[in-house]
């Protein structure tokens, strides 16, 4: 069964090329569409650290 992450941690997935991709919402456009920031890393641990750092920044 998949592990659940806390709400607000963003989206995390493993890409076909082996890298990990993270996506967080940094705001919304005037029409309501979300604005995403994409972050990449070689390992899942590196990615979660980068995501937490960019969320708090």
Protein backbone atom coordinates (compact mmCIF):
# COMPACT_ATOMS: atom_id res chain seq x y z
CA UNK A 1 0.00 0.00 0.00
CA UNK A 2 1.26 3.49 -0.82
CA UNK A 3 2.47 5.83 1.91
CA UNK A 4 0.48 9.00 2.50
CA UNK A 5 2.21 12.31 2.86
CA UNK A 6 0.85 15.22 4.89
CA UNK A 7 -1.33 17.76 3.14
CA UNK A 8 0.70 20.66 1.78
CA UNK A 9 3.82 18.62 0.99
CA UNK A 10 3.24 18.81 -2.75
CA UNK A 11 3.20 16.05 -5.35
CA UNK A 12 6.08 13.54 -5.60
CA UNK A 13 6.61 10.97 -8.36
CA UNK A 14 9.37 8.98 -10.01
CA UNK A 15 9.93 9.82 -13.67
CA UNK A 16 10.64 7.33 -16.45
CA UNK A 17 14.26 8.55 -16.65
CA UNK A 18 14.81 7.57 -12.99
CA UNK A 19 14.79 11.06 -11.49
CA UNK A 20 12.27 12.19 -8.90
CA UNK A 21 9.93 15.10 -9.67
CA UNK A 22 8.18 17.28 -7.14
CA UNK A 23 5.47 19.84 -7.79
CA UNK A 24 4.09 22.48 -5.45
CA UNK A 25 1.48 25.18 -5.97
CA UNK A 26 3.00 28.64 -5.44
CA UNK A 27 -0.09 30.67 -6.25
CA UNK A 28 -3.03 31.07 -8.60
CA UNK A 29 -3.61 32.99 -11.81
CA UNK A 30 -6.42 35.53 -12.06
CA UNK A 31 -8.67 32.93 -13.70
CA UNK A 32 -8.10 30.48 -10.82
CA UNK A 33 -5.62 28.12 -12.48
CA UNK A 34 -2.80 27.01 -10.16
CA UNK A 35 0.80 28.11 -10.74
CA UNK A 36 3.20 25.20 -10.18
CA UNK A 37 6.91 25.06 -9.32
CA UNK A 38 8.68 21.89 -10.46
CA UNK A 39 11.68 20.53 -8.55
CA UNK A 40 13.88 17.59 -9.58
CA UNK A 41 16.33 15.37 -7.67
CA UNK A 42 18.16 12.06 -8.04
CA UNK A 43 16.70 10.49 -4.88
CA UNK A 44 13.39 10.75 -3.08
CA UNK A 45 15.07 11.94 0.13
CA UNK A 46 16.83 14.77 -1.72
CA UNK A 47 13.55 15.76 -3.34
CA UNK A 48 11.58 15.89 -0.09
CA UNK A 49 14.33 18.02 1.47
CA UNK A 50 14.25 20.42 -1.50
CA UNK A 51 10.45 20.57 -1.40
CA UNK A 52 10.38 21.37 2.31
CA UNK A 53 13.02 24.05 1.82
CA UNK A 54 11.12 25.71 -1.03
CA UNK A 55 7.79 25.51 0.83
CA UNK A 56 9.22 27.29 3.87
CA UNK A 57 11.13 29.85 1.76
